[in-house]
Amino acid sequence: MTYIVNDKCIKCKYTDCVEVCPVDCFYEGENMLVIHPDECIDCGVCEPECPAEAIKPDTEPGLEKWLEVNRDYADKWPNITAKKESPPDADDFKDVEGKFEKYFSEKPGTGD
């Protein structure tokens, strides 16, 4: 098992989860984070830290797509190891549906 980040993170990109991760397995895209599934130690400390509830165990049904998104972009985006300010409009996007189709960006984040 591993944890994944789903589309609830898009345009919110709260980084509270990064702060508590003991193995630094988060990677930063322009408008979301992902978890490297091969680096995650399944400790689960990140899940309750996410205000958008975007972190889930990959054992939940229907998350196969997100496991692949996390695996793919963790190999492309820079590692993030410290909390950053969230986008100023993050709370406006917290409960928006269909964010992957509307807002996902393949561009990398700025890293640390």
PDB file of N, CA and C in Angstrom:
ATOM      1  N   MET A   1       0.840  -1.185   0.000  1.00  0.00           N
ATOM      2  CA  MET A   1       0.000   0.000   0.000  1.00  0.00           C
ATOM      3  C   MET A   1       0.883   1.246   0.000  1.00  0.00           C
ATOM      4  N   THR A   2       0.354   2.282  -0.581  1.00  0.00           N
ATOM      5  CA  THR A   2       0.983   3.590  -0.553  1.00  0.00           C
ATOM      6  C   THR A   2      -0.125   4.628  -0.468  1.00  0.00           C
ATOM      7  N   TYR A   3       0.237   5.840  -0.267  1.00  0.00           N
ATOM      8  CA  TYR A   3      -0.733   6.931  -0.295  1.00  0.00           C
ATOM      9  C   TYR A   3      -0.573   7.664  -1.611  1.00  0.00           C
ATOM     10  N   ILE A   4      -1.654   8.251  -2.085  1.00  0.00           N
ATOM     11  CA  ILE A   4      -1.637   9.009  -3.337  1.00  0.00           C
ATOM     12  C   ILE A   4      -2.287  10.362  -3.099  1.00  0.00           C
ATOM     13  N   VAL A   5      -2.014  11.281  -4.018  1.00  0.00           N
ATOM     14  CA  VAL A   5      -2.673  12.590  -4.024  1.00  0.00           C
ATOM     15  C   VAL A   5      -3.619  12.585  -5.214  1.00  0.00           C
ATOM     16  N   ASN A   6      -4.853  13.016  -5.000  1.00  0.00           N
ATOM     17  CA  ASN A   6      -5.816  13.061  -6.104  1.00  0.00           C
ATOM     18  C   ASN A   6      -6.085  14.501  -6.528  1.00  0.00           C
ATOM     19  N   ASP A   7      -7.077  14.681  -7.394  1.00  0.00           N
ATOM     20  CA  ASP A   7      -7.331  15.997  -7.987  1.00  0.00           C
ATOM     21  C   ASP A   7      -7.848  17.045  -7.015  1.00  0.00           C
ATOM     22  N   LYS A   8      -8.190  16.667  -5.798  1.00  0.00           N
ATOM     23  CA  LYS A   8      -8.605  17.671  -4.818  1.00  0.00           C
ATOM     24  C   LYS A   8      -7.457  18.621  -4.478  1.00  0.00           C
ATOM     25  N   CYS A   9      -6.225  18.203  -4.762  1.00  0.00           N
ATOM     26  CA  CYS A   9      -5.051  19.040  -4.489  1.00  0.00           C
ATOM     27  C   CYS A   9      -4.868  20.147  -5.536  1.00  0.00           C
ATOM     28  N   ILE A  10      -5.370  19.907  -6.734  1.00  0.00           N
ATOM     29  CA  ILE A  10      -5.149  20.850  -7.832  1.00  0.00           C
ATOM     30  C   ILE A  10      -5.700  22.232  -7.485  1.00  0.00           C
ATOM     31  N   LYS A  11      -4.868  23.247  -7.681  1.00  0.00           N
ATOM     32  CA  LYS A  11      -5.162  24.658  -7.433  1.00  0.00           C
ATOM     33  C   LYS A  11      -5.258  25.001  -5.945  1.00  0.00           C
ATOM     34  N   CYS A  12      -5.111  23.994  -5.073  1.00  0.00           N
ATOM     35  CA  CYS A  12      -5.081  24.250  -3.628  1.00  0.00           C
ATOM     36  C   CYS A  12      -3.633  24.171  -3.156  1.00  0.00           C
ATOM     37  N   LYS A  13      -3.007  23.072  -3.450  1.00  0.00           N
ATOM     38  CA  LYS A  13      -1.593  22.829  -3.151  1.00  0.00           C
ATOM     39  C   LYS A  13      -1.191  23.295  -1.754  1.00  0.00           C
ATOM     40  N   TYR A  14      -1.980  22.845  -0.777  1.00  0.00           N
ATOM     41  CA  TYR A  14      -1.578  23.048   0.614  1.00  0.00           C
ATOM     42  C   TYR A  14      -0.364  22.145   0.833  1.00  0.00           C
ATOM     43  N   THR A  15       0.586  22.581   1.579  1.00  0.00           N
ATOM     44  CA  THR A  15       1.789  21.764   1.761  1.00  0.00           C
ATOM     45  C   THR A  15       1.979  21.317   3.209  1.00  0.00           C
ATOM     46  N   ASP A  16       0.910  21.294   3.970  1.00  0.00           N
ATOM     47  CA  ASP A  16       0.966  20.810   5.354  1.00  0.00           C
ATOM     48  C   ASP A  16       1.493  19.371   5.387  1.00  0.00           C
ATOM     49  N   CYS A  17       1.132  18.587   4.387  1.00  0.00           N
ATOM     50  CA  CYS A  17       1.529  17.184   4.302  1.00  0.00           C
ATOM     51  C   CYS A  17       3.044  17.030   4.183  1.00  0.00           C
ATOM     52  N   VAL A  18       3.662  17.925   3.444  1.00  0.00           N
ATOM     53  CA  VAL A  18       5.108  17.879   3.214  1.00  0.00           C
ATOM     54  C   VAL A  18       5.861  18.020   4.534  1.00  0.00           C
ATOM     55  N   GLU A  19       5.345  18.876   5.379  1.00  0.00           N
ATOM     56  CA  GLU A  19       5.982  19.180   6.660  1.00  0.00           C
ATOM     57  C   GLU A  19       6.103  17.949   7.556  1.00  0.00           C
ATOM     58  N   VAL A  20       5.155  17.028   7.474  1.00  0.00           N
ATOM     59  CA  VAL A  20       5.141  15.871   8.382  1.00  0.00           C
ATOM     60  C   VAL A  20       5.711  14.594   7.775  1.00  0.00           C
ATOM     61  N   CYS A  21       5.989  14.586   6.491  1.00  0.00           N
ATOM     62  CA  CYS A  21       6.461  13.369   5.818  1.00  0.00           C
ATOM     63  C   CYS A  21       7.877  13.010   6.272  1.00  0.00           C
ATOM     64  N   PRO A  22       8.043  11.823   6.888  1.00  0.00           N
ATOM     65  CA  PRO A  22       9.369  11.453   7.391  1.00  0.00           C
ATOM     66  C   PRO A  22      10.359  11.021   6.314  1.00  0.00           C
ATOM     67  N   VAL A  23       9.865  10.753   5.103  1.00  0.00           N
ATOM     68  CA  VAL A  23      10.767  10.279   4.039  1.00  0.00           C
ATOM     69  C   VAL A  23      10.832  11.214   2.830  1.00  0.00           C
ATOM     70  N   ASP A  24      10.232  12.390   2.926  1.00  0.00           N
ATOM     71  CA  ASP A  24      10.298  13.387   1.853  1.00  0.00           C
ATOM     72  C   ASP A  24       9.920  12.806   0.489  1.00  0.00           C
ATOM     73  N   CYS A  25       8.747  12.189   0.411  1.00  0.00           N
ATOM     74  CA  CYS A  25       8.332  11.548  -0.841  1.00  0.00           C
ATOM     75  C   CYS A  25       7.324  12.370  -1.639  1.00  0.00           C
ATOM     76  N   PHE A  26       7.218  13.681  -1.348  1.00  0.00           N
ATOM     77  CA  PHE A  26       6.320  14.552  -2.100  1.00  0.00           C
ATOM     78  C   PHE A  26       7.080  15.263  -3.217  1.00  0.00           C
ATOM     79  N   TYR A  27       6.391  15.448  -4.333  1.00  0.00           N
ATOM     80  CA  TYR A  27       6.961  16.128  -5.497  1.00  0.00           C
ATOM     81  C   TYR A  27       5.981  17.200  -5.930  1.00  0.00           C
ATOM     82  N   GLU A  28       6.538  18.312  -6.419  1.00  0.00           N
ATOM     83  CA  GLU A  28       5.725  19.496  -6.657  1.00  0.00           C
ATOM     84  C   GLU A  28       5.551  19.822  -8.129  1.00  0.00           C
ATOM     85  N   GLY A  29       4.280  19.887  -8.527  1.00  0.00           N
ATOM     86  CA  GLY A  29       3.931  20.385  -9.847  1.00  0.00           C
ATOM     87  C   GLY A  29       3.529  21.841  -9.737  1.00  0.00           C
ATOM     88  N   GLU A  30       3.235  22.438 -10.859  1.00  0.00           N
ATOM     89  CA  GLU A  30       2.842  23.844 -10.861  1.00  0.00           C
ATOM     90  C   GLU A  30       1.643  24.106  -9.955  1.00  0.00           C
ATOM     91  N   ASN A  31       0.644  23.198  -9.977  1.00  0.00           N
ATOM     92  CA  ASN A  31      -0.545  23.475  -9.169  1.00  0.00           C
ATOM     93  C   ASN A  31      -1.041  22.300  -8.328  1.00  0.00           C
ATOM     94  N   MET A  32      -0.188  21.301  -8.113  1.00  0.00           N
ATOM     95  CA  MET A  32      -0.537  20.202  -7.207  1.00  0.00           C
ATOM     96  C   MET A  32       0.724  19.471  -6.766  1.00  0.00           C
ATOM     97  N   LEU A  33       0.567  18.605  -5.786  1.00  0.00           N
ATOM     98  CA  LEU A  33       1.639  17.744  -5.313  1.00  0.00           C
ATOM     99  C   LEU A  33       1.306  16.302  -5.672  1.00  0.00           C
ATOM    100  N   VAL A  34       2.323  15.453  -5.716  1.00  0.00           N
ATOM    101  CA  VAL A  34       2.132  14.010  -5.835  1.00  0.00           C
ATOM    102  C   VAL A  34       3.058  13.321  -4.842  1.00  0.00           C
ATOM    103  N   ILE A  35       2.762  12.059  -4.581  1.00  0.00           N
ATOM    104  CA  ILE A  35       3.578  11.217  -3.706  1.00  0.00           C
ATOM    105  C   ILE A  35       4.242  10.158  -4.563  1.00  0.00           C
ATOM    106  N   HIS A  36       5.535   9.958  -4.364  1.00  0.00           N
ATOM    107  CA  HIS A  36       6.217   8.887  -5.094  1.00  0.00           C
ATOM    108  C   HIS A  36       5.849   7.565  -4.415  1.00  0.00           C
ATOM    109  N   PRO A  37       5.097   6.683  -5.115  1.00  0.00           N
ATOM    110  CA  PRO A  37       4.612   5.472  -4.467  1.00  0.00           C
ATOM    111  C   PRO A  37       5.716   4.506  -4.032  1.00  0.00           C
ATOM    112  N   ASP A  38       6.872   4.564  -4.668  1.00  0.00           N
ATOM    113  CA  ASP A  38       7.964   3.668  -4.280  1.00  0.00           C
ATOM    114  C   ASP A  38       8.757   4.199  -3.092  1.00  0.00           C
ATOM    115  N   GLU A  39       8.567   5.462  -2.756  1.00  0.00           N
ATOM    116  CA  GLU A  39       9.274   6.062  -1.626  1.00  0.00           C
ATOM    117  C   GLU A  39       8.400   6.143  -0.372  1.00  0.00           C
ATOM    118  N   CYS A  40       7.098   6.176  -0.565  1.00  0.00           N
ATOM    119  CA  CYS A  40       6.156   6.275   0.555  1.00  0.00           C
ATOM    120  C   CYS A  40       6.286   5.031   1.441  1.00  0.00           C
ATOM    121  N   ILE A  41       6.355   5.248   2.746  1.00  0.00           N
ATOM    122  CA  ILE A  41       6.476   4.124   3.685  1.00  0.00           C
ATOM    123  C   ILE A  41       5.136   3.771   4.327  1.00  0.00           C
ATOM    124  N   ASP A  42       4.069   4.303   3.809  1.00  0.00           N
ATOM    125  CA  ASP A  42       2.714   3.966   4.250  1.00  0.00           C
ATOM    126  C   ASP A  42       2.438   4.315   5.710  1.00  0.00           C
ATOM    127  N   CYS A  43       3.085   5.346   6.202  1.00  0.00           N
ATOM    128  CA  CYS A  43       2.887   5.708   7.610  1.00  0.00           C
ATOM    129  C   CYS A  43       1.561   6.423   7.834  1.00  0.00           C
ATOM    130  N   GLY A  44       1.071   7.118   6.800  1.00  0.00           N
ATOM    131  CA  GLY A  44      -0.226   7.768   6.890  1.00  0.00           C
ATOM    132  C   GLY A  44      -0.277   9.089   7.628  1.00  0.00           C
ATOM    133  N   VAL A  45       0.861   9.610   8.077  1.00  0.00           N
ATOM    134  CA  VAL A  45       0.812  10.864   8.833  1.00  0.00           C
ATOM    135  C   VAL A  45       0.393  12.048   7.969  1.00  0.00           C
ATOM    136  N   CYS A  46       0.567  11.956   6.669  1.00  0.00           N
ATOM    137  CA  CYS A  46       0.210  13.058   5.774  1.00  0.00           C
ATOM    138  C   CYS A  46      -1.297  13.190   5.566  1.00  0.00           C
ATOM    139  N   GLU A  47      -1.996  12.079   5.564  1.00  0.00           N
ATOM    140  CA  GLU A  47      -3.425  12.081   5.217  1.00  0.00           C
ATOM    141  C   GLU A  47      -4.258  13.056   6.056  1.00  0.00           C
ATOM    142  N   PRO A  48      -4.175  13.032   7.376  1.00  0.00           N
ATOM    143  CA  PRO A  48      -5.009  13.959   8.155  1.00  0.00           C
ATOM    144  C   PRO A  48      -4.539  15.411   8.094  1.00  0.00           C
ATOM    145  N   GLU A  49      -3.356  15.659   7.568  1.00  0.00           N
ATOM    146  CA  GLU A  49      -2.829  17.025   7.490  1.00  0.00           C
ATOM    147  C   GLU A  49      -3.377  17.812   6.305  1.00  0.00           C
ATOM    148  N   CYS A  50      -3.972  17.131   5.338  1.00  0.00           N
ATOM    149  CA  CYS A  50      -4.428  17.795   4.112  1.00  0.00           C
ATOM    150  C   CYS A  50      -5.800  18.440   4.304  1.00  0.00           C
ATOM    151  N   PRO A  51      -5.864  19.777   4.260  1.00  0.00           N
ATOM    152  CA  PRO A  51      -7.151  20.461   4.415  1.00  0.00           C
ATOM    153  C   PRO A  51      -8.145  20.156   3.294  1.00  0.00           C
ATOM    154  N   ALA A  52      -7.644  19.762   2.131  1.00  0.00           N
ATOM    155  CA  ALA A  52      -8.517  19.476   0.990  1.00  0.00           C
ATOM    156  C   ALA A  52      -8.932  18.002   0.941  1.00  0.00           C
ATOM    157  N   GLU A  53      -8.408  17.197   1.861  1.00  0.00           N
ATOM    158  CA  GLU A  53      -8.668  15.756   1.884  1.00  0.00           C
ATOM    159  C   GLU A  53      -8.288  15.104   0.554  1.00  0.00           C
ATOM    160  N   ALA A  54      -7.125  15.508   0.019  1.00  0.00           N
ATOM    161  CA  ALA A  54      -6.655  15.021  -1.274  1.00  0.00           C
ATOM    162  C   ALA A  54      -5.738  13.809  -1.171  1.00  0.00           C
ATOM    163  N   ILE A  55      -5.385  13.399   0.026  1.00  0.00           N
ATOM    164  CA  ILE A  55      -4.481  12.267   0.204  1.00  0.00           C
ATOM    165  C   ILE A  55      -5.280  11.065   0.666  1.00  0.00           C
ATOM    166  N   LYS A  56      -5.133   9.956  -0.074  1.00  0.00           N
ATOM    167  CA  LYS A  56      -5.888   8.737   0.220  1.00  0.00           C
ATOM    168  C   LYS A  56      -4.971   7.521   0.095  1.00  0.00           C
ATOM    169  N   PRO A  57      -5.294   6.434   0.810  1.00  0.00           N
ATOM    170  CA  PRO A  57      -4.549   5.195   0.594  1.00  0.00           C
ATOM    171  C   PRO A  57      -4.925   4.623  -0.776  1.00  0.00           C
ATOM    172  N   ASP A  58      -3.956   4.042  -1.462  1.00  0.00           N
ATOM    173  CA  ASP A  58      -4.240   3.528  -2.806  1.00  0.00           C
ATOM    174  C   ASP A  58      -5.134   2.291  -2.782  1.00  0.00           C
ATOM    175  N   THR A  59      -5.469   1.809  -1.609  1.00  0.00           N
ATOM    176  CA  THR A  59      -6.348   0.648  -1.505  1.00  0.00           C
ATOM    177  C   THR A  59      -7.828   1.021  -1.653  1.00  0.00           C
ATOM    178  N   GLU A  60      -8.136   2.317  -1.617  1.00  0.00           N
ATOM    179  CA  GLU A  60      -9.527   2.730  -1.824  1.00  0.00           C
ATOM    180  C   GLU A  60      -9.905   2.476  -3.281  1.00  0.00           C
ATOM    181  N   PRO A  61     -11.104   1.983  -3.529  1.00  0.00           N
ATOM    182  CA  PRO A  61     -11.532   1.692  -4.902  1.00  0.00           C
ATOM    183  C   PRO A  61     -11.543   2.946  -5.779  1.00  0.00           C
ATOM    184  N   GLY A  62     -11.182   2.760  -7.037  1.00  0.00           N
ATOM    185  CA  GLY A  62     -11.248   3.834  -8.016  1.00  0.00           C
ATOM    186  C   GLY A  62     -10.054   4.764  -8.053  1.00  0.00           C
ATOM    187  N   LEU A  63      -8.990   4.438  -7.348  1.00  0.00           N
ATOM    188  CA  LEU A  63      -7.837   5.335  -7.301  1.00  0.00           C
ATOM    189  C   LEU A  63      -6.673   4.873  -8.189  1.00  0.00           C
ATOM    190  N   GLU A  64      -6.891   3.881  -9.022  1.00  0.00           N
ATOM    191  CA  GLU A  64      -5.829   3.360  -9.877  1.00  0.00           C
ATOM    192  C   GLU A  64      -5.241   4.447 -10.778  1.00  0.00           C
ATOM    193  N   LYS A  65      -6.108   5.281 -11.332  1.00  0.00           N
ATOM    194  CA  LYS A  65      -5.642   6.386 -12.186  1.00  0.00           C
ATOM    195  C   LYS A  65      -4.689   7.292 -11.408  1.00  0.00           C
ATOM    196  N   TRP A  66      -5.027   7.566 -10.163  1.00  0.00           N
ATOM    197  CA  TRP A  66      -4.221   8.480  -9.362  1.00  0.00           C
ATOM    198  C   TRP A  66      -2.893   7.875  -8.942  1.00  0.00           C
ATOM    199  N   LEU A  67      -2.859   6.571  -8.794  1.00  0.00           N
ATOM    200  CA  LEU A  67      -1.582   5.908  -8.519  1.00  0.00           C
ATOM    201  C   LEU A  67      -0.639   6.126  -9.692  1.00  0.00           C
ATOM    202  N   GLU A  68      -1.155   5.996 -10.901  1.00  0.00           N
ATOM    203  CA  GLU A  68      -0.326   6.206 -12.092  1.00  0.00           C
ATOM    204  C   GLU A  68       0.079   7.670 -12.248  1.00  0.00           C
ATOM    205  N   VAL A  69      -0.833   8.598 -11.999  1.00  0.00           N
ATOM    206  CA  VAL A  69      -0.504  10.025 -12.067  1.00  0.00           C
ATOM    207  C   VAL A  69       0.604  10.345 -11.068  1.00  0.00           C
ATOM    208  N   ASN A  70       0.476   9.841  -9.848  1.00  0.00           N
ATOM    209  CA  ASN A  70       1.490  10.094  -8.825  1.00  0.00           C
ATOM    210  C   ASN A  70       2.827   9.500  -9.228  1.00  0.00           C
ATOM    211  N   ARG A  71       2.826   8.262  -9.705  1.00  0.00           N
ATOM    212  CA  ARG A  71       4.071   7.601 -10.111  1.00  0.00           C
ATOM    213  C   ARG A  71       4.740   8.372 -11.265  1.00  0.00           C
ATOM    214  N   ASP A  72       3.965   8.720 -12.254  1.00  0.00           N
ATOM    215  CA  ASP A  72       4.495   9.391 -13.447  1.00  0.00           C
ATOM    216  C   ASP A  72       5.101  10.753 -13.109  1.00  0.00           C
ATOM    217  N   TYR A  73       4.363  11.576 -12.396  1.00  0.00           N
ATOM    218  CA  TYR A  73       4.835  12.941 -12.149  1.00  0.00           C
ATOM    219  C   TYR A  73       5.873  13.026 -11.027  1.00  0.00           C
ATOM    220  N   ALA A  74       5.896  12.053 -10.129  1.00  0.00           N
ATOM    221  CA  ALA A  74       6.959  12.031  -9.112  1.00  0.00           C
ATOM    222  C   ALA A  74       8.320  11.855  -9.775  1.00  0.00           C
ATOM    223  N   ASP A  75       8.337  11.205 -10.929  1.00  0.00           N
ATOM    224  CA  ASP A  75       9.593  11.026 -11.668  1.00  0.00           C
ATOM    225  C   ASP A  75       9.964  12.258 -12.494  1.00  0.00           C
ATOM    226  N   LYS A  76       9.026  13.188 -12.672  1.00  0.00           N
ATOM    227  CA  LYS A  76       9.267  14.359 -13.527  1.00  0.00           C
ATOM    228  C   LYS A  76       9.416  15.662 -12.746  1.00  0.00           C
ATOM    229  N   TRP A  77       8.766  15.756 -11.605  1.00  0.00           N
ATOM    230  CA  TRP A  77       8.714  16.999 -10.852  1.00  0.00           C
ATOM    231  C   TRP A  77       9.760  17.029  -9.739  1.00  0.00           C
ATOM    232  N   PRO A  78      10.143  18.224  -9.278  1.00  0.00           N
ATOM    233  CA  PRO A  78      11.138  18.325  -8.202  1.00  0.00           C
ATOM    234  C   PRO A  78      10.561  17.916  -6.840  1.00  0.00           C
ATOM    235  N   ASN A  79      11.433  17.378  -6.022  1.00  0.00           N
ATOM    236  CA  ASN A  79      11.087  16.995  -4.660  1.00  0.00           C
ATOM    237  C   ASN A  79      10.829  18.254  -3.835  1.00  0.00           C
ATOM    238  N   ILE A  80       9.854  18.181  -2.952  1.00  0.00           N
ATOM    239  CA  ILE A  80       9.561  19.290  -2.036  1.00  0.00           C
ATOM    240  C   ILE A  80       9.661  18.743  -0.617  1.00  0.00           C
ATOM    241  N   THR A  81      10.410  19.425   0.232  1.00  0.00           N
ATOM    242  CA  THR A  81      10.665  18.908   1.581  1.00  0.00           C
ATOM    243  C   THR A  81      10.268  19.873   2.697  1.00  0.00           C
ATOM    244  N   ALA A  82       9.759  21.044   2.335  1.00  0.00           N
ATOM    245  CA  ALA A  82       9.364  22.022   3.354  1.00  0.00           C
ATOM    246  C   ALA A  82       8.036  22.668   2.972  1.00  0.00           C
ATOM    247  N   LYS A  83       7.290  23.030   3.980  1.00  0.00           N
ATOM    248  CA  LYS A  83       5.999  23.687   3.757  1.00  0.00           C
ATOM    249  C   LYS A  83       6.203  25.044   3.088  1.00  0.00           C
ATOM    250  N   LYS A  84       5.286  25.375   2.182  1.00  0.00           N
ATOM    251  CA  LYS A  84       5.280  26.667   1.486  1.00  0.00           C
ATOM    252  C   LYS A  84       3.910  27.305   1.671  1.00  0.00           C
ATOM    253  N   GLU A  85       3.831  28.560   1.305  1.00  0.00           N
ATOM    254  CA  GLU A  85       2.530  29.233   1.297  1.00  0.00           C
ATOM    255  C   GLU A  85       1.652  28.611   0.206  1.00  0.00           C
ATOM    256  N   SER A  86       0.390  28.415   0.510  1.00  0.00           N
ATOM    257  CA  SER A  86      -0.559  27.931  -0.484  1.00  0.00           C
ATOM    258  C   SER A  86      -0.917  29.075  -1.417  1.00  0.00           C
ATOM    259  N   PRO A  87      -1.432  28.767  -2.604  1.00  0.00           N
ATOM    260  CA  PRO A  87      -1.883  29.843  -3.483  1.00  0.00           C
ATOM    261  C   PRO A  87      -2.919  30.710  -2.764  1.00  0.00           C
ATOM    262  N   PRO A  88      -2.928  32.006  -3.020  1.00  0.00           N
ATOM    263  CA  PRO A  88      -3.850  32.905  -2.305  1.00  0.00           C
ATOM    264  C   PRO A  88      -5.325  32.545  -2.495  1.00  0.00           C
ATOM    265  N   ASP A  89      -5.658  31.890  -3.619  1.00  0.00           N
ATOM    266  CA  ASP A  89      -7.052  31.518  -3.879  1.00  0.00           C
ATOM    267  C   ASP A  89      -7.325  30.036  -3.604  1.00  0.00           C
ATOM    268  N   ALA A  90      -6.447  29.374  -2.869  1.00  0.00           N
ATOM    269  CA  ALA A  90      -6.581  27.936  -2.609  1.00  0.00           C
ATOM    270  C   ALA A  90      -7.938  27.575  -2.024  1.00  0.00           C
ATOM    271  N   ASP A  91      -8.401  28.320  -1.054  1.00  0.00           N
ATOM    272  CA  ASP A  91      -9.679  27.999  -0.419  1.00  0.00           C
ATOM    273  C   ASP A  91     -10.852  28.099  -1.399  1.00  0.00           C
ATOM    274  N   ASP A  92     -10.723  28.935  -2.417  1.00  0.00           N
ATOM    275  CA  ASP A  92     -11.785  29.074  -3.418  1.00  0.00           C
ATOM    276  C   ASP A  92     -11.936  27.808  -4.258  1.00  0.00           C
ATOM    277  N   PHE A  93     -10.857  27.028  -4.371  1.00  0.00           N
ATOM    278  CA  PHE A  93     -10.871  25.830  -5.210  1.00  0.00           C
ATOM    279  C   PHE A  93     -11.023  24.539  -4.410  1.00  0.00           C
ATOM    280  N   LYS A  94     -11.085  24.642  -3.106  1.00  0.00           N
ATOM    281  CA  LYS A  94     -11.067  23.467  -2.227  1.00  0.00           C
ATOM    282  C   LYS A  94     -12.158  22.452  -2.549  1.00  0.00           C
ATOM    283  N   ASP A  95     -13.359  22.885  -2.853  1.00  0.00           N
ATOM    284  CA  ASP A  95     -14.477  21.971  -3.073  1.00  0.00           C
ATOM    285  C   ASP A  95     -14.945  21.917  -4.531  1.00  0.00           C
ATOM    286  N   VAL A  96     -14.136  22.404  -5.446  1.00  0.00           N
ATOM    287  CA  VAL A  96     -14.489  22.380  -6.871  1.00  0.00           C
ATOM    288  C   VAL A  96     -14.346  20.952  -7.397  1.00  0.00           C
ATOM    289  N   GLU A  97     -15.292  20.512  -8.175  1.00  0.00           N
ATOM    290  CA  GLU A  97     -15.255  19.174  -8.788  1.00  0.00           C
ATOM    291  C   GLU A  97     -14.618  19.239 -10.168  1.00  0.00           C
ATOM    292  N   GLY A  98     -14.091  18.116 -10.643  1.00  0.00           N
ATOM    293  CA  GLY A  98     -13.549  18.018 -11.996  1.00  0.00           C
ATOM    294  C   GLY A  98     -12.303  18.853 -12.236  1.00  0.00           C
ATOM    295  N   LYS A  99     -11.485  19.026 -11.217  1.00  0.00           N
ATOM    296  CA  LYS A  99     -10.317  19.906 -11.352  1.00  0.00           C
ATOM    297  C   LYS A  99      -9.247  19.347 -12.287  1.00  0.00           C
ATOM    298  N   PHE A 100      -9.138  18.028 -12.394  1.00  0.00           N
ATOM    299  CA  PHE A 100      -8.104  17.464 -13.265  1.00  0.00           C
ATOM    300  C   PHE A 100      -8.340  17.895 -14.715  1.00  0.00           C
ATOM    301  N   GLU A 101      -9.552  17.732 -15.176  1.00  0.00           N
ATOM    302  CA  GLU A 101      -9.887  18.088 -16.557  1.00  0.00           C
ATOM    303  C   GLU A 101      -9.809  19.591 -16.802  1.00  0.00           C
ATOM    304  N   LYS A 102     -10.148  20.380 -15.801  1.00  0.00           N
ATOM    305  CA  LYS A 102     -10.195  21.833 -15.967  1.00  0.00           C
ATOM    306  C   LYS A 102      -8.853  22.525 -15.745  1.00  0.00           C
ATOM    307  N   TYR A 103      -8.054  22.051 -14.771  1.00  0.00           N
ATOM    308  CA  TYR A 103      -6.919  22.858 -14.321  1.00  0.00           C
ATOM    309  C   TYR A 103      -5.561  22.155 -14.233  1.00  0.00           C
ATOM    310  N   PHE A 104      -5.505  20.835 -14.414  1.00  0.00           N
ATOM    311  CA  PHE A 104      -4.236  20.130 -14.224  1.00  0.00           C
ATOM    312  C   PHE A 104      -3.139  20.701 -15.119  1.00  0.00           C
ATOM    313  N   SER A 105      -1.963  20.836 -14.568  1.00  0.00           N
ATOM    314  CA  SER A 105      -0.801  21.304 -15.323  1.00  0.00           C
ATOM    315  C   SER A 105       0.337  20.300 -15.180  1.00  0.00           C
ATOM    316  N   GLU A 106       0.951  19.959 -16.294  1.00  0.00           N
ATOM    317  CA  GLU A 106       2.091  19.044 -16.283  1.00  0.00           C
ATOM    318  C   GLU A 106       3.390  19.758 -15.915  1.00  0.00           C
ATOM    319  N   LYS A 107       3.338  21.074 -15.848  1.00  0.00           N
ATOM    320  CA  LYS A 107       4.555  21.841 -15.546  1.00  0.00           C
ATOM    321  C   LYS A 107       5.046  21.542 -14.147  1.00  0.00           C
ATOM    322  N   PRO A 108       6.348  21.477 -13.969  1.00  0.00           N
ATOM    323  CA  PRO A 108       6.889  21.248 -12.628  1.00  0.00           C
ATOM    324  C   PRO A 108       6.716  22.483 -11.737  1.00  0.00           C
ATOM    325  N   GLY A 109       6.777  22.234 -10.442  1.00  0.00           N
ATOM    326  CA  GLY A 109       6.781  23.320  -9.478  1.00  0.00           C
ATOM    327  C   GLY A 109       8.185  23.891  -9.356  1.00  0.00           C
ATOM    328  N   THR A 110       8.363  24.691  -8.369  1.00  0.00           N
ATOM    329  CA  THR A 110       9.649  25.349  -8.194  1.00  0.00           C
ATOM    330  C   THR A 110      10.618  24.583  -7.311  1.00  0.00           C
ATOM    331  N   GLY A 111      10.164  23.453  -6.724  1.00  0.00           N
ATOM    332  CA  GLY A 111      11.025  22.704  -5.805  1.00  0.00           C
ATOM    333  C   GLY A 111      11.252  23.510  -4.545  1.00  0.00           C
ATOM    334  N   ASP A 112      12.321  23.202  -3.831  1.00  0.00           N
ATOM    335  CA  ASP A 112      12.581  23.913  -2.571  1.00  0.00           C
ATOM    336  C   ASP A 112      13.196  25.259  -2.851  1.00  0.00           C
TER     337      ASP A 112
END
